[in-house]
Amino acid sequence: MPSVDGTGQRASPLENQVVDLIPALRSFARTFVKSSSEADDLLQETLFRALRGIDGFEPGTNLKSWLFTIMHNAFRTQYKLQRREAPGAVDCAELPIPMPAPQEWCALHAELRGALDRLSPDHREVLILVAGYGLSYKEAADLCDCAVGTIKSRLNRARDELCDEMSGVSFT
């Protein structure tokens, strides 16, 4: 039975596929911003842009890459605006918890997140796209608007930087 959207109209199969990709989009949004509320805002902006321009999607192309490109462009637009605007102080609710859980996996997660945050934005983005989301070099190059060789170079440097950052961390 076809699904029905909030207005009582039937949702298209393409719109249903977009909805199925929301968890991946939410994860991808968290690579750009630190707080979950900012990630949700970026996700909402991406979905708004995608559904507004759904007629521009070419059937037979990769929907996930199309949505990731929209999110990437939305983030770049927001980033440029924020650099011009001088934002205010961060809400205290977004500050990290002062005493994280003592489990070892939590500590390793914090170390990895910190190491990723210390990477340059270009290197972090390519590492997450290729190693984290499993995109091909070509798909990552299309998203980042650069050559495949540039992606390979950035990925190699990102892996080296991450290895150096994590060299003092014990995984046992």
Protein backbone atom coordinates (compact mmCIF):
# COMPACT_ATOMS: atom_id res chain seq x y z
CA MET A 1 0.00 0.00 0.00
CA PRO A 2 1.51 3.40 -0.96
CA SER A 3 2.39 5.63 1.94
CA VAL A 4 0.53 8.86 2.62
CA ASP A 5 2.30 12.09 3.56
CA GLY A 6 1.16 14.62 6.19
CA THR A 7 -1.21 16.37 3.74
CA GLY A 8 -3.14 13.20 2.97
CA GLN A 9 -1.55 12.89 -0.48
CA ARG A 10 0.33 9.82 -1.60
CA ALA A 11 4.11 10.11 -1.28
CA SER A 12 6.14 9.21 -4.36
CA PRO A 13 8.56 6.25 -4.25
CA LEU A 14 11.45 8.71 -4.60
CA GLU A 15 10.29 10.63 -1.53
CA ASN A 16 10.12 7.33 0.36
CA GLN A 17 13.72 6.59 -0.65
CA VAL A 18 14.74 10.02 0.69
CA VAL A 19 13.05 9.18 4.00
CA ASP A 20 14.92 5.86 4.14
CA LEU A 21 18.24 7.75 3.84
CA ILE A 22 17.55 10.08 6.80
CA PRO A 23 19.72 8.07 9.28
CA ALA A 24 22.70 8.22 6.92
CA LEU A 25 22.11 11.93 6.33
CA ARG A 26 21.89 12.57 10.08
CA SER A 27 25.22 10.78 10.60
CA PHE A 28 26.78 12.74 7.76
CA ALA A 29 25.51 16.00 9.26
CA ARG A 30 27.27 15.17 12.55
CA THR A 31 30.58 15.17 10.68
CA PHE A 32 30.12 18.83 9.85
CA VAL A 33 28.91 20.20 13.20
CA LYS A 34 29.46 19.35 16.85
CA SER A 35 26.03 19.76 18.43
CA SER A 36 23.09 17.52 17.67
CA SER A 37 20.75 20.49 17.30
CA GLU A 38 22.98 22.00 14.59
CA ALA A 39 23.12 18.61 12.86
CA ASP A 40 19.31 18.39 12.95
CA ASP A 41 19.08 21.91 11.50
CA LEU A 42 21.47 20.96 8.69
CA LEU A 43 19.49 17.78 8.05
CA GLN A 44 16.23 19.74 7.93
CA GLU A 45 17.70 22.27 5.50
CA THR A 46 19.00 19.42 3.32
CA LEU A 47 15.63 17.67 3.26
CA PHE A 48 13.87 20.94 2.48
CA ARG A 49 16.19 21.63 -0.44
CA ALA A 50 15.99 18.04 -1.68
CA LEU A 51 12.21 17.81 -1.59
CA ARG A 52 11.86 21.28 -3.11
CA GLY A 53 14.07 20.25 -6.01
CA ILE A 54 13.07 16.57 -6.24
CA ASP A 55 12.00 17.09 -9.86
CA GLY A 56 15.63 17.92 -10.67
CA PHE A 57 16.82 14.47 -9.58
CA GLU A 58 17.74 12.34 -12.56
CA PRO A 59 16.48 8.75 -12.23
CA GLY A 60 19.25 6.22 -12.53
CA THR A 61 21.76 8.35 -10.62
CA ASN A 62 22.81 7.77 -7.03
CA LEU A 63 20.20 9.33 -4.70
CA LYS A 64 22.49 9.09 -1.66
CA SER A 65 25.27 11.00 -3.42
CA TRP A 66 22.76 13.58 -4.62
CA LEU A 67 21.52 14.14 -1.05
CA PHE A 68 25.07 14.23 0.35
CA THR A 69 25.95 16.87 -2.26
CA ILE A 70 22.95 18.94 -1.22
CA MET A 71 24.00 18.66 2.45
CA HIS A 72 27.59 19.53 1.62
CA ASN A 73 26.48 22.63 -0.30
CA ALA A 74 24.03 23.63 2.46
CA PHE A 75 26.81 23.37 5.05
CA ARG A 76 29.20 25.41 2.90
CA THR A 77 26.54 28.11 2.50
CA GLN A 78 25.85 28.19 6.25
CA TYR A 79 29.58 28.21 7.03
CA LYS A 80 30.17 31.22 4.79
CA LEU A 81 27.27 33.07 6.44
CA GLN A 82 28.51 32.25 9.94
CA ARG A 83 31.99 33.51 9.15
CA ARG A 84 30.47 36.85 8.18
CA GLU A 85 28.12 37.05 11.15
CA ALA A 86 30.24 36.54 14.32
CA PRO A 87 27.97 34.16 16.25
CA GLY A 88 27.18 34.52 19.95
CA ALA A 89 28.09 32.21 22.80
CA VAL A 90 27.16 28.53 22.71
CA ASP A 91 24.28 27.45 24.95
CA CYS A 92 25.41 25.74 28.11
CA ALA A 93 23.20 22.76 27.20
CA GLU A 94 25.52 22.03 24.27
CA LEU A 95 28.66 21.85 26.40
CA PRO A 96 30.16 18.38 26.87
CA ILE A 97 29.19 16.36 29.92
CA PRO A 98 31.81 17.09 32.62
CA MET A 99 32.21 13.44 33.66
CA PRO A 100 31.97 10.96 30.77
CA ALA A 101 31.17 7.30 31.38
CA PRO A 102 34.21 5.31 32.54
CA GLN A 103 33.95 2.58 29.93
CA GLU A 104 37.01 2.12 27.77
CA TRP A 105 35.02 2.36 24.54
CA CYS A 106 33.75 5.77 25.62
CA ALA A 107 37.32 6.95 26.16
CA LEU A 108 38.41 5.59 22.79
CA HIS A 109 35.44 7.25 21.11
CA ALA A 110 36.37 10.56 22.72
CA GLU A 111 40.00 10.14 21.60
CA LEU A 112 38.96 9.31 18.05
CA ARG A 113 36.49 12.20 17.92
CA GLY A 114 39.18 14.55 19.24
CA ALA A 115 41.70 13.28 16.71
CA LEU A 116 39.17 13.73 13.89
CA ASP A 117 38.38 17.25 15.10
CA ARG A 118 42.09 18.14 14.96
CA LEU A 119 42.36 17.11 11.30
CA SER A 120 42.08 19.85 8.72
CA PRO A 121 38.48 20.24 7.45
CA ASP A 122 39.37 18.99 3.94
CA HIS A 123 41.16 15.92 5.27
CA ARG A 124 38.40 15.13 7.81
CA GLU A 125 35.71 15.45 5.15
CA VAL A 126 37.45 13.12 2.69
CA LEU A 127 38.28 10.57 5.40
CA ILE A 128 34.66 10.43 6.54
CA LEU A 129 33.26 10.28 3.00
CA VAL A 130 35.56 7.50 1.79
CA ALA A 131 36.46 5.53 4.92
CA GLY A 132 33.34 6.25 6.97
CA TYR A 133 30.56 6.20 4.39
CA GLY A 134 32.25 3.99 1.81
CA LEU A 135 31.87 6.40 -1.10
CA SER A 136 34.08 5.81 -4.11
CA TYR A 137 36.87 8.22 -4.92
CA LYS A 138 34.81 9.50 -7.84
CA GLU A 139 31.72 10.12 -5.68
CA ALA A 140 33.82 11.90 -3.07
CA ALA A 141 35.49 13.98 -5.78
CA ASP A 142 32.09 14.98 -7.13
CA LEU A 143 30.92 15.98 -3.64
CA CYS A 144 34.06 17.98 -2.90
CA ASP A 145 34.21 19.46 -6.39
CA CYS A 146 37.80 18.40 -7.03
CA ALA A 147 39.81 15.80 -8.95
CA VAL A 148 39.99 12.12 -7.98
CA GLY A 149 43.75 12.46 -7.50
CA THR A 150 43.15 15.25 -4.98
CA ILE A 151 40.80 12.97 -3.05
CA LYS A 152 43.39 10.18 -2.99
CA SER A 153 46.06 12.58 -1.80
CA ARG A 154 43.85 14.10 0.91
CA LEU A 155 42.78 10.65 2.08
CA ASN A 156 46.37 9.47 2.35
CA ARG A 157 47.35 12.57 4.31
CA ALA A 158 44.25 12.28 6.51
CA ARG A 159 45.06 8.66 7.36
CA ASP A 160 48.65 9.60 8.21
CA GLU A 161 47.50 12.53 10.38
CA LEU A 162 44.92 10.36 12.16
CA CYS A 163 47.51 7.66 12.76
CA ASP A 164 49.88 10.24 14.27
CA GLU A 165 47.08 11.68 16.43
CA MET A 166 46.06 8.24 17.69
CA SER A 167 49.58 6.83 18.15
CA GLY A 168 49.51 7.29 21.93
CA VAL A 169 46.12 5.63 22.37
CA SER A 170 45.99 2.04 23.62
CA PHE A 171 43.36 -0.18 22.00
CA THR A 172 43.57 -3.06 24.47
